[in-house]
Amino acid sequence: MTDFPKIGITAIVIIAVVILLVAFAPAPVVPTDEVAAVFPSTWMQEKIWDDGNAEYAVYEVKWQRYDHLNPGRVCMLIVKEPWQAKKDVKSEDPEQGDFDVLKLNMIRDVHTGVYTYEQMVSVFVRRDDGTLRKYATASLEACGQTTTMMTKGTLSTRSYWGNQGNQDLAWPKDAIPEDALPLYLRGLVEGPLPKKIPLFPSLLAGRLPRLDITEFDITRTSGVKVKTAAGSFTTTEFVLSYGTETMTFQFEESATRTLIRYASSLGTEYTLAKVDRIPYWQMHEPRHAAWWPKRLR
């Protein structure tokens, strides 16, 4: 029989428990201090996110694809949800949630010739510190479908393209998803501005891009006036640039910091058509379709 060192059975049990807790603890994907240092989360703690509604915004879209600017629409919603850390999923019982997240869902559908692109991105960010918890995308069109999911430090991609196929990759710990910028940039409307942002490319695509980080320069201009079909707004404008590539985001100067307009140097553009705070999950009857602007139904 093996002799244990003279530290006592109780101590051995405690050590074993600690090892198990460390092994199975749900660690943040990006260290809290790194995220908070770049994208402050104070705006996420505004009381408006506790009102039981979602920010529900729809946009008129010009999407650059196949050398054309194709008209379409985007629905972008942000809502508070309780989170179950162990499984990295929404808690069905709010009382059982470990903490709250803000969920960003963005749905884009655009006709290209005889078929339609249906695409979606979901981003889940811990409300109290801005930690990226989970990130998923799906792209469907007539040729096939591609899906991705990042959780607990691993990015899994599933693509019908032969040279991509199925992959499981380590998520770069200091990367910010380009697809999460409509959420994260709101934290930079006020306060210090970093000189560069380490961006992971958008995964909202059928054929995935090269999965590497690119350091984008960033500038900020306050008090920019923007007029859309939804009204006139005073915005804070961010321009992210790398070489000749640019992305411009304009956020309303308000508590929610709603995205009013997005434009890229490739020609893609989202322009706000309507925004409201609504319980969209209760609005699934045929009559509720009237909420949408007619030109986007």
C-alpha atoms as a PDB file:
ATOM      1  CA  MET A   1       0.000   0.000   0.000  1.00  0.00           C
ATOM      2  CA  THR A   2       1.331   3.456  -0.955  1.00  0.00           C
ATOM      3  CA  ASP A   3       2.315   5.663   1.967  1.00  0.00           C
ATOM      4  CA  PHE A   4       1.016   9.272   1.792  1.00  0.00           C
ATOM      5  CA  PRO A   5       3.146  12.129   3.124  1.00  0.00           C
ATOM      6  CA  LYS A   6       2.157  13.108   6.640  1.00  0.00           C
ATOM      7  CA  ILE A   7      -0.168  15.975   5.666  1.00  0.00           C
ATOM      8  CA  GLY A   8      -3.410  14.319   6.699  1.00  0.00           C
ATOM      9  CA  ILE A   9      -6.397  12.987   4.772  1.00  0.00           C
ATOM     10  CA  THR A  10      -8.294  16.283   5.166  1.00  0.00           C
ATOM     11  CA  ALA A  11      -5.490  18.219   3.485  1.00  0.00           C
ATOM     12  CA  ILE A  12      -5.364  15.708   0.621  1.00  0.00           C
ATOM     13  CA  VAL A  13      -9.117  16.109   0.070  1.00  0.00           C
ATOM     14  CA  ILE A  14      -8.825  19.912   0.074  1.00  0.00           C
ATOM     15  CA  ILE A  15      -5.993  19.804  -2.473  1.00  0.00           C
ATOM     16  CA  ALA A  16      -7.993  17.469  -4.708  1.00  0.00           C
ATOM     17  CA  VAL A  17     -11.039  19.748  -4.552  1.00  0.00           C
ATOM     18  CA  VAL A  18      -8.936  22.796  -5.410  1.00  0.00           C
ATOM     19  CA  ILE A  19      -7.418  20.996  -8.408  1.00  0.00           C
ATOM     20  CA  LEU A  20     -10.874  20.058  -9.692  1.00  0.00           C
ATOM     21  CA  LEU A  21     -12.188  23.602  -9.227  1.00  0.00           C
ATOM     22  CA  VAL A  22      -9.267  25.069 -11.129  1.00  0.00           C
ATOM     23  CA  ALA A  23      -9.540  22.498 -13.914  1.00  0.00           C
ATOM     24  CA  PHE A  24     -13.243  23.062 -14.533  1.00  0.00           C
ATOM     25  CA  ALA A  25     -13.640  26.737 -13.678  1.00  0.00           C
ATOM     26  CA  PRO A  26     -15.063  28.751 -16.633  1.00  0.00           C
ATOM     27  CA  ALA A  27     -12.162  31.095 -17.348  1.00  0.00           C
ATOM     28  CA  PRO A  28     -12.800  34.295 -19.330  1.00  0.00           C
ATOM     29  CA  VAL A  29     -11.824  34.127 -22.998  1.00  0.00           C
ATOM     30  CA  VAL A  30     -10.095  37.503 -22.779  1.00  0.00           C
ATOM     31  CA  PRO A  31      -8.603  38.593 -19.446  1.00  0.00           C
ATOM     32  CA  THR A  32     -10.872  41.146 -17.794  1.00  0.00           C
ATOM     33  CA  ASP A  33      -8.189  43.796 -17.306  1.00  0.00           C
ATOM     34  CA  GLU A  34      -7.184  43.703 -20.987  1.00  0.00           C
ATOM     35  CA  VAL A  35     -10.745  44.199 -22.230  1.00  0.00           C
ATOM     36  CA  ALA A  36     -11.595  46.867 -19.655  1.00  0.00           C
ATOM     37  CA  ALA A  37      -8.407  48.731 -20.485  1.00  0.00           C
ATOM     38  CA  VAL A  38      -9.373  49.009 -24.164  1.00  0.00           C
ATOM     39  CA  PHE A  39     -13.188  49.043 -24.134  1.00  0.00           C
ATOM     40  CA  PRO A  40     -14.714  50.361 -20.878  1.00  0.00           C
ATOM     41  CA  SER A  41     -17.997  48.654 -19.964  1.00  0.00           C
ATOM     42  CA  THR A  42     -19.534  51.457 -17.882  1.00  0.00           C
ATOM     43  CA  TRP A  43     -22.148  52.187 -20.560  1.00  0.00           C
ATOM     44  CA  MET A  44     -23.368  48.584 -20.252  1.00  0.00           C
ATOM     45  CA  GLN A  45     -24.362  49.280 -16.653  1.00  0.00           C
ATOM     46  CA  GLU A  46     -26.797  52.069 -17.558  1.00  0.00           C
ATOM     47  CA  LYS A  47     -30.235  51.425 -16.034  1.00  0.00           C
ATOM     48  CA  ILE A  48     -31.906  51.456 -19.441  1.00  0.00           C
ATOM     49  CA  TRP A  49     -30.604  47.917 -20.043  1.00  0.00           C
ATOM     50  CA  ASP A  50     -32.696  46.781 -17.054  1.00  0.00           C
ATOM     51  CA  ASP A  51     -36.016  47.956 -18.526  1.00  0.00           C
ATOM     52  CA  GLY A  52     -37.023  44.511 -19.825  1.00  0.00           C
ATOM     53  CA  ASN A  53     -36.750  45.522 -23.476  1.00  0.00           C
ATOM     54  CA  ALA A  54     -34.184  45.232 -26.253  1.00  0.00           C
ATOM     55  CA  GLU A  55     -32.695  47.920 -28.431  1.00  0.00           C
ATOM     56  CA  TYR A  56     -34.147  46.822 -31.775  1.00  0.00           C
ATOM     57  CA  ALA A  57     -32.711  48.635 -34.788  1.00  0.00           C
ATOM     58  CA  VAL A  58     -33.172  48.004 -38.508  1.00  0.00           C
ATOM     59  CA  TYR A  59     -30.984  49.350 -41.290  1.00  0.00           C
ATOM     60  CA  GLU A  60     -31.146  49.866 -45.014  1.00  0.00           C
ATOM     61  CA  VAL A  61     -28.157  48.078 -46.506  1.00  0.00           C
ATOM     62  CA  LYS A  62     -25.913  48.334 -49.517  1.00  0.00           C
ATOM     63  CA  TRP A  63     -23.738  45.218 -49.440  1.00  0.00           C
ATOM     64  CA  GLN A  64     -20.706  44.913 -51.704  1.00  0.00           C
ATOM     65  CA  ARG A  65     -20.740  41.456 -53.258  1.00  0.00           C
ATOM     66  CA  TYR A  66     -19.863  40.155 -56.747  1.00  0.00           C
ATOM     67  CA  ASP A  67     -18.719  43.662 -57.771  1.00  0.00           C
ATOM     68  CA  HIS A  68     -22.162  45.108 -57.064  1.00  0.00           C
ATOM     69  CA  LEU A  69     -23.764  47.053 -54.229  1.00  0.00           C
ATOM     70  CA  ASN A  70     -26.726  44.826 -53.433  1.00  0.00           C
ATOM     71  CA  PRO A  71     -29.682  46.297 -51.507  1.00  0.00           C
ATOM     72  CA  GLY A  72     -30.834  44.496 -48.388  1.00  0.00           C
ATOM     73  CA  ARG A  73     -31.566  44.911 -44.719  1.00  0.00           C
ATOM     74  CA  VAL A  74     -29.956  44.368 -41.327  1.00  0.00           C
ATOM     75  CA  CYS A  75     -31.642  43.842 -37.984  1.00  0.00           C
ATOM     76  CA  MET A  76     -29.421  44.580 -34.999  1.00  0.00           C
ATOM     77  CA  LEU A  77     -30.616  43.984 -31.448  1.00  0.00           C
ATOM     78  CA  ILE A  78     -28.995  44.311 -28.035  1.00  0.00           C
ATOM     79  CA  VAL A  79     -30.566  42.920 -24.879  1.00  0.00           C
ATOM     80  CA  LYS A  80     -29.560  41.940 -21.354  1.00  0.00           C
ATOM     81  CA  GLU A  81     -29.706  38.224 -20.522  1.00  0.00           C
ATOM     82  CA  PRO A  82     -28.729  36.010 -17.533  1.00  0.00           C
ATOM     83  CA  TRP A  83     -25.746  33.781 -18.266  1.00  0.00           C
ATOM     84  CA  GLN A  84     -24.794  30.274 -17.158  1.00  0.00           C
ATOM     85  CA  ALA A  85     -21.003  30.316 -17.011  1.00  0.00           C
ATOM     86  CA  LYS A  86     -20.310  26.572 -16.928  1.00  0.00           C
ATOM     87  CA  LYS A  87     -22.041  25.866 -20.233  1.00  0.00           C
ATOM     88  CA  ASP A  88     -21.645  29.377 -21.702  1.00  0.00           C
ATOM     89  CA  VAL A  89     -25.340  29.627 -22.547  1.00  0.00           C
ATOM     90  CA  LYS A  90     -28.320  31.763 -21.577  1.00  0.00           C
ATOM     91  CA  SER A  91     -29.818  30.725 -18.249  1.00  0.00           C
ATOM     92  CA  GLU A  92     -33.486  29.790 -18.713  1.00  0.00           C
ATOM     93  CA  ASP A  93     -34.042  30.718 -15.054  1.00  0.00           C
ATOM     94  CA  PRO A  94     -32.776  34.266 -14.334  1.00  0.00           C
ATOM     95  CA  GLU A  95     -32.330  33.323 -10.683  1.00  0.00           C
ATOM     96  CA  GLN A  96     -29.855  30.613 -11.698  1.00  0.00           C
ATOM     97  CA  GLY A  97     -27.675  32.901 -13.822  1.00  0.00           C
ATOM     98  CA  ASP A  98     -24.103  33.498 -12.673  1.00  0.00           C
ATOM     99  CA  PHE A  99     -24.009  37.018 -14.129  1.00  0.00           C
ATOM    100  CA  ASP A 100     -25.621  39.123 -16.866  1.00  0.00           C
ATOM    101  CA  VAL A 101     -24.432  39.561 -20.427  1.00  0.00           C
ATOM    102  CA  LEU A 102     -25.382  41.939 -23.189  1.00  0.00           C
ATOM    103  CA  LYS A 103     -26.262  39.983 -26.314  1.00  0.00           C
ATOM    104  CA  LEU A 104     -25.737  41.464 -29.764  1.00  0.00           C
ATOM    105  CA  ASN A 105     -27.591  39.696 -32.556  1.00  0.00           C
ATOM    106  CA  MET A 106     -27.140  41.013 -36.076  1.00  0.00           C
ATOM    107  CA  ILE A 107     -29.113  39.456 -38.935  1.00  0.00           C
ATOM    108  CA  ARG A 108     -28.355  40.409 -42.544  1.00  0.00           C
ATOM    109  CA  ASP A 109     -30.321  39.278 -45.581  1.00  0.00           C
ATOM    110  CA  VAL A 110     -29.471  40.411 -49.087  1.00  0.00           C
ATOM    111  CA  HIS A 111     -30.608  39.196 -52.513  1.00  0.00           C
ATOM    112  CA  THR A 112     -27.863  38.520 -55.044  1.00  0.00           C
ATOM    113  CA  GLY A 113     -29.354  37.577 -58.403  1.00  0.00           C
ATOM    114  CA  VAL A 114     -31.544  34.484 -58.043  1.00  0.00           C
ATOM    115  CA  TYR A 115     -30.593  33.643 -54.452  1.00  0.00           C
ATOM    116  CA  THR A 116     -30.360  35.263 -51.037  1.00  0.00           C
ATOM    117  CA  TYR A 117     -27.657  35.489 -48.385  1.00  0.00           C
ATOM    118  CA  GLU A 118     -29.046  34.898 -44.874  1.00  0.00           C
ATOM    119  CA  GLN A 119     -26.366  35.677 -42.302  1.00  0.00           C
ATOM    120  CA  MET A 120     -26.237  36.139 -38.543  1.00  0.00           C
ATOM    121  CA  VAL A 121     -23.717  37.009 -35.856  1.00  0.00           C
ATOM    122  CA  SER A 122     -24.197  36.653 -32.083  1.00  0.00           C
ATOM    123  CA  VAL A 123     -21.880  38.221 -29.521  1.00  0.00           C
ATOM    124  CA  PHE A 124     -22.201  37.736 -25.764  1.00  0.00           C
ATOM    125  CA  VAL A 125     -20.289  40.156 -23.532  1.00  0.00           C
ATOM    126  CA  ARG A 126     -20.221  40.085 -19.749  1.00  0.00           C
ATOM    127  CA  ARG A 127     -22.030  43.204 -18.599  1.00  0.00           C
ATOM    128  CA  ASP A 128     -20.000  44.054 -15.510  1.00  0.00           C
ATOM    129  CA  ASP A 129     -16.524  43.952 -17.046  1.00  0.00           C
ATOM    130  CA  GLY A 130     -16.824  43.693 -20.857  1.00  0.00           C
ATOM    131  CA  THR A 131     -15.346  40.192 -21.091  1.00  0.00           C
ATOM    132  CA  LEU A 132     -16.103  38.417 -24.366  1.00  0.00           C
ATOM    133  CA  ARG A 133     -17.856  35.194 -23.379  1.00  0.00           C
ATOM    134  CA  LYS A 134     -19.071  33.751 -26.667  1.00  0.00           C
ATOM    135  CA  TYR A 135     -19.167  34.592 -30.377  1.00  0.00           C
ATOM    136  CA  ALA A 136     -20.951  32.739 -33.178  1.00  0.00           C
ATOM    137  CA  THR A 137     -21.799  33.272 -36.850  1.00  0.00           C
ATOM    138  CA  ALA A 138     -23.789  31.541 -39.580  1.00  0.00           C
ATOM    139  CA  SER A 139     -23.917  32.214 -43.313  1.00  0.00           C
ATOM    140  CA  LEU A 140     -26.414  30.455 -45.580  1.00  0.00           C
ATOM    141  CA  GLU A 141     -26.979  30.812 -49.314  1.00  0.00           C
ATOM    142  CA  ALA A 142     -27.735  28.616 -52.322  1.00  0.00           C
ATOM    143  CA  CYS A 143     -24.223  27.106 -52.466  1.00  0.00           C
ATOM    144  CA  GLY A 144     -24.153  25.932 -48.863  1.00  0.00           C
ATOM    145  CA  GLN A 145     -23.599  27.062 -45.298  1.00  0.00           C
ATOM    146  CA  THR A 146     -20.725  28.030 -43.014  1.00  0.00           C
ATOM    147  CA  THR A 147     -20.862  28.315 -39.228  1.00  0.00           C
ATOM    148  CA  THR A 148     -18.392  29.373 -36.545  1.00  0.00           C
ATOM    149  CA  MET A 149     -18.378  29.470 -32.753  1.00  0.00           C
ATOM    150  CA  MET A 150     -15.859  30.766 -30.251  1.00  0.00           C
ATOM    151  CA  THR A 151     -16.263  29.756 -26.617  1.00  0.00           C
ATOM    152  CA  LYS A 152     -13.835  29.029 -23.765  1.00  0.00           C
ATOM    153  CA  GLY A 153     -10.825  30.034 -25.847  1.00  0.00           C
ATOM    154  CA  THR A 154     -11.485  27.831 -28.884  1.00  0.00           C
ATOM    155  CA  LEU A 155     -12.752  28.929 -32.292  1.00  0.00           C
ATOM    156  CA  SER A 156     -14.544  26.157 -34.209  1.00  0.00           C
ATOM    157  CA  THR A 157     -15.337  26.653 -37.896  1.00  0.00           C
ATOM    158  CA  ARG A 158     -17.486  24.447 -40.129  1.00  0.00           C
ATOM    159  CA  SER A 159     -17.476  25.261 -43.838  1.00  0.00           C
ATOM    160  CA  TYR A 160     -18.632  23.573 -47.038  1.00  0.00           C
ATOM    161  CA  TRP A 161     -15.549  24.941 -48.842  1.00  0.00           C
ATOM    162  CA  GLY A 162     -13.037  22.139 -49.426  1.00  0.00           C
ATOM    163  CA  ASN A 163      -9.934  24.140 -48.531  1.00  0.00           C
ATOM    164  CA  GLN A 164     -11.423  25.222 -45.188  1.00  0.00           C
ATOM    165  CA  GLY A 165     -13.675  22.419 -43.954  1.00  0.00           C
ATOM    166  CA  ASN A 166     -13.726  21.798 -40.195  1.00  0.00           C
ATOM    167  CA  GLN A 167     -11.190  23.538 -37.957  1.00  0.00           C
ATOM    168  CA  ASP A 168     -10.675  24.063 -34.230  1.00  0.00           C
ATOM    169  CA  LEU A 169      -8.258  26.864 -33.431  1.00  0.00           C
ATOM    170  CA  ALA A 170      -7.022  28.673 -30.347  1.00  0.00           C
ATOM    171  CA  TRP A 171      -8.647  32.089 -30.066  1.00  0.00           C
ATOM    172  CA  PRO A 172      -6.036  34.896 -29.817  1.00  0.00           C
ATOM    173  CA  LYS A 173      -6.486  36.202 -26.287  1.00  0.00           C
ATOM    174  CA  ASP A 174      -6.040  39.887 -27.192  1.00  0.00           C
ATOM    175  CA  ALA A 175      -8.268  39.868 -30.298  1.00  0.00           C
ATOM    176  CA  ILE A 176     -11.474  41.856 -30.731  1.00  0.00           C
ATOM    177  CA  PRO A 177     -13.938  40.414 -33.274  1.00  0.00           C
ATOM    178  CA  GLU A 178     -14.709  42.836 -36.086  1.00  0.00           C
ATOM    179  CA  ASP A 179     -18.282  41.558 -35.855  1.00  0.00           C
ATOM    180  CA  ALA A 180     -18.448  42.799 -32.229  1.00  0.00           C
ATOM    181  CA  LEU A 181     -17.501  46.404 -33.018  1.00  0.00           C
ATOM    182  CA  PRO A 182     -21.138  47.635 -33.051  1.00  0.00           C
ATOM    183  CA  LEU A 183     -21.119  46.693 -29.364  1.00  0.00           C
ATOM    184  CA  TYR A 184     -17.561  47.313 -28.181  1.00  0.00           C
ATOM    185  CA  LEU A 185     -16.979  50.701 -29.822  1.00  0.00           C
ATOM    186  CA  ARG A 186     -19.758  52.175 -27.692  1.00  0.00           C
ATOM    187  CA  GLY A 187     -17.336  51.973 -24.789  1.00  0.00           C
ATOM    188  CA  LEU A 188     -15.003  54.436 -26.516  1.00  0.00           C
ATOM    189  CA  VAL A 189     -17.501  57.263 -27.094  1.00  0.00           C
ATOM    190  CA  GLU A 190     -15.942  58.878 -24.021  1.00  0.00           C
ATOM    191  CA  GLY A 191     -12.587  58.544 -22.289  1.00  0.00           C
ATOM    192  CA  PRO A 192      -9.128  57.518 -23.528  1.00  0.00           C
ATOM    193  CA  LEU A 193      -8.784  56.224 -27.077  1.00  0.00           C
ATOM    194  CA  PRO A 194      -6.263  53.499 -27.965  1.00  0.00           C
ATOM    195  CA  LYS A 195      -3.982  54.155 -30.924  1.00  0.00           C
ATOM    196  CA  LYS A 196      -4.634  50.725 -32.420  1.00  0.00           C
ATOM    197  CA  ILE A 197      -7.173  47.906 -32.086  1.00  0.00           C
ATOM    198  CA  PRO A 198      -6.242  44.235 -32.669  1.00  0.00           C
ATOM    199  CA  LEU A 199      -9.084  43.080 -34.913  1.00  0.00           C
ATOM    200  CA  PHE A 200     -10.013  39.526 -35.780  1.00  0.00           C
ATOM    201  CA  PRO A 201     -11.648  39.572 -39.254  1.00  0.00           C
ATOM    202  CA  SER A 202     -15.401  39.280 -39.735  1.00  0.00           C
ATOM    203  CA  LEU A 203     -16.630  35.695 -39.866  1.00  0.00           C
ATOM    204  CA  LEU A 204     -19.973  36.694 -41.369  1.00  0.00           C
ATOM    205  CA  ALA A 205     -19.147  34.988 -44.655  1.00  0.00           C
ATOM    206  CA  GLY A 206     -19.579  31.790 -46.631  1.00  0.00           C
ATOM    207  CA  ARG A 207     -15.876  31.596 -47.471  1.00  0.00           C
ATOM    208  CA  LEU A 208     -13.934  32.567 -44.371  1.00  0.00           C
ATOM    209  CA  PRO A 209     -11.062  35.074 -44.547  1.00  0.00           C
ATOM    210  CA  ARG A 210      -7.525  34.494 -43.332  1.00  0.00           C
ATOM    211  CA  LEU A 211      -7.878  34.013 -39.576  1.00  0.00           C
ATOM    212  CA  ASP A 212      -5.201  36.442 -38.390  1.00  0.00           C
ATOM    213  CA  ILE A 213      -5.235  39.578 -36.239  1.00  0.00           C
ATOM    214  CA  THR A 214      -4.745  42.939 -37.957  1.00  0.00           C
ATOM    215  CA  GLU A 215      -3.814  46.091 -36.028  1.00  0.00           C
ATOM    216  CA  PHE A 216      -6.169  48.880 -37.122  1.00  0.00           C
ATOM    217  CA  ASP A 217      -5.543  52.561 -36.407  1.00  0.00           C
ATOM    218  CA  ILE A 218      -8.507  54.381 -34.869  1.00  0.00           C
ATOM    219  CA  THR A 219      -9.643  58.004 -34.750  1.00  0.00           C
ATOM    220  CA  ARG A 220     -12.644  59.604 -33.045  1.00  0.00           C
ATOM    221  CA  THR A 221     -14.647  62.741 -33.846  1.00  0.00           C
ATOM    222  CA  SER A 222     -17.490  63.985 -31.630  1.00  0.00           C
ATOM    223  CA  GLY A 223     -20.488  66.091 -32.614  1.00  0.00           C
ATOM    224  CA  VAL A 224     -20.920  64.681 -36.142  1.00  0.00           C
ATOM    225  CA  LYS A 225     -24.414  65.381 -37.499  1.00  0.00           C
ATOM    226  CA  VAL A 226     -26.127  62.502 -39.321  1.00  0.00           C
ATOM    227  CA  LYS A 227     -29.569  62.455 -40.949  1.00  0.00           C
ATOM    228  CA  THR A 228     -31.350  59.201 -41.837  1.00  0.00           C
ATOM    229  CA  ALA A 229     -34.906  57.996 -42.426  1.00  0.00           C
ATOM    230  CA  ALA A 230     -35.078  57.466 -38.642  1.00  0.00           C
ATOM    231  CA  GLY A 231     -34.322  61.129 -37.880  1.00  0.00           C
ATOM    232  CA  SER A 232     -31.449  63.516 -37.246  1.00  0.00           C
ATOM    233  CA  PHE A 233     -28.713  62.549 -34.794  1.00  0.00           C
ATOM    234  CA  THR A 234     -25.592  63.934 -33.174  1.00  0.00           C
ATOM    235  CA  THR A 235     -22.998  61.178 -33.256  1.00  0.00           C
ATOM    236  CA  THR A 236     -19.492  60.209 -32.294  1.00  0.00           C
ATOM    237  CA  GLU A 237     -17.668  58.937 -35.370  1.00  0.00           C
ATOM    238  CA  PHE A 238     -14.921  56.315 -35.352  1.00  0.00           C
ATOM    239  CA  VAL A 239     -12.737  55.605 -38.370  1.00  0.00           C
ATOM    240  CA  LEU A 240     -10.703  52.395 -38.291  1.00  0.00           C
ATOM    241  CA  SER A 241      -8.020  52.121 -40.951  1.00  0.00           C
ATOM    242  CA  TYR A 242      -5.400  49.698 -42.188  1.00  0.00           C
ATOM    243  CA  GLY A 243      -3.610  50.694 -45.384  1.00  0.00           C
ATOM    244  CA  THR A 244      -6.340  51.683 -47.853  1.00  0.00           C
ATOM    245  CA  GLU A 245      -9.070  49.823 -45.952  1.00  0.00           C
ATOM    246  CA  THR A 246     -11.364  51.870 -43.716  1.00  0.00           C
ATOM    247  CA  MET A 247     -14.465  51.266 -41.621  1.00  0.00           C
ATOM    248  CA  THR A 248     -16.573  54.136 -40.290  1.00  0.00           C
ATOM    249  CA  PHE A 249     -19.001  53.809 -37.373  1.00  0.00           C
ATOM    250  CA  GLN A 250     -21.282  56.601 -36.131  1.00  0.00           C
ATOM    251  CA  PHE A 251     -22.934  56.189 -32.719  1.00  0.00           C
ATOM    252  CA  GLU A 252     -25.612  58.410 -31.246  1.00  0.00           C
ATOM    253  CA  GLU A 253     -24.439  60.506 -28.319  1.00  0.00           C
ATOM    254  CA  SER A 254     -26.984  59.091 -25.851  1.00  0.00           C
ATOM    255  CA  ALA A 255     -27.161  56.580 -22.988  1.00  0.00           C
ATOM    256  CA  THR A 256     -27.549  53.597 -25.345  1.00  0.00           C
ATOM    257  CA  ARG A 257     -25.093  54.905 -27.978  1.00  0.00           C
ATOM    258  CA  THR A 258     -27.095  53.370 -30.824  1.00  0.00           C
ATOM    259  CA  LEU A 259     -25.254  52.719 -34.088  1.00  0.00           C
ATOM    260  CA  ILE A 260     -26.659  55.163 -36.647  1.00  0.00           C
ATOM    261  CA  ARG A 261     -24.503  54.433 -39.661  1.00  0.00           C
ATOM    262  CA  TYR A 262     -21.719  52.101 -40.776  1.00  0.00           C
ATOM    263  CA  ALA A 263     -19.698  52.360 -43.998  1.00  0.00           C
ATOM    264  CA  SER A 264     -16.648  50.555 -45.361  1.00  0.00           C
ATOM    265  CA  SER A 265     -14.185  51.562 -48.059  1.00  0.00           C
ATOM    266  CA  LEU A 266     -15.424  48.558 -50.079  1.00  0.00           C
ATOM    267  CA  GLY A 267     -18.795  50.269 -50.491  1.00  0.00           C
ATOM    268  CA  THR A 268     -20.903  48.391 -47.921  1.00  0.00           C
ATOM    269  CA  GLU A 269     -23.151  50.697 -45.915  1.00  0.00           C
ATOM    270  CA  TYR A 270     -25.764  50.332 -43.149  1.00  0.00           C
ATOM    271  CA  THR A 271     -28.069  53.318 -42.523  1.00  0.00           C
ATOM    272  CA  LEU A 272     -30.536  53.368 -39.634  1.00  0.00           C
ATOM    273  CA  ALA A 273     -34.175  53.130 -40.760  1.00  0.00           C
ATOM    274  CA  LYS A 274     -35.879  52.652 -37.389  1.00  0.00           C
ATOM    275  CA  VAL A 275     -34.963  51.979 -33.755  1.00  0.00           C
ATOM    276  CA  ASP A 276     -37.093  51.256 -30.707  1.00  0.00           C
ATOM    277  CA  ARG A 277     -36.954  49.577 -27.317  1.00  0.00           C
ATOM    278  CA  ILE A 278     -39.335  46.625 -27.558  1.00  0.00           C
ATOM    279  CA  PRO A 279     -39.860  43.063 -26.245  1.00  0.00           C
ATOM    280  CA  TYR A 280     -39.301  41.592 -29.704  1.00  0.00           C
ATOM    281  CA  TRP A 281     -39.671  38.005 -28.438  1.00  0.00           C
ATOM    282  CA  GLN A 282     -43.358  38.766 -27.779  1.00  0.00           C
ATOM    283  CA  MET A 283     -43.951  40.303 -31.210  1.00  0.00           C
ATOM    284  CA  HIS A 284     -44.311  37.269 -33.471  1.00  0.00           C
ATOM    285  CA  GLU A 285     -47.892  37.644 -34.691  1.00  0.00           C
ATOM    286  CA  PRO A 286     -48.539  38.590 -38.363  1.00  0.00           C
ATOM    287  CA  ARG A 287     -49.815  42.007 -37.245  1.00  0.00           C
ATOM    288  CA  HIS A 288     -46.452  42.806 -35.664  1.00  0.00           C
ATOM    289  CA  ALA A 289     -44.802  42.918 -39.104  1.00  0.00           C
ATOM    290  CA  ALA A 290     -46.261  46.412 -39.385  1.00  0.00           C
ATOM    291  CA  TRP A 291     -43.519  47.580 -37.005  1.00  0.00           C
ATOM    292  CA  TRP A 292     -41.020  47.356 -39.879  1.00  0.00           C
ATOM    293  CA  PRO A 293     -40.740  50.241 -42.347  1.00  0.00           C
ATOM    294  CA  LYS A 294     -42.656  49.236 -45.474  1.00  0.00           C
ATOM    295  CA  ARG A 295     -39.624  49.436 -47.747  1.00  0.00           C
ATOM    296  CA  LEU A 296     -37.812  46.843 -45.621  1.00  0.00           C
ATOM    297  CA  ARG A 297     -40.591  44.284 -45.093  1.00  0.00           C
END
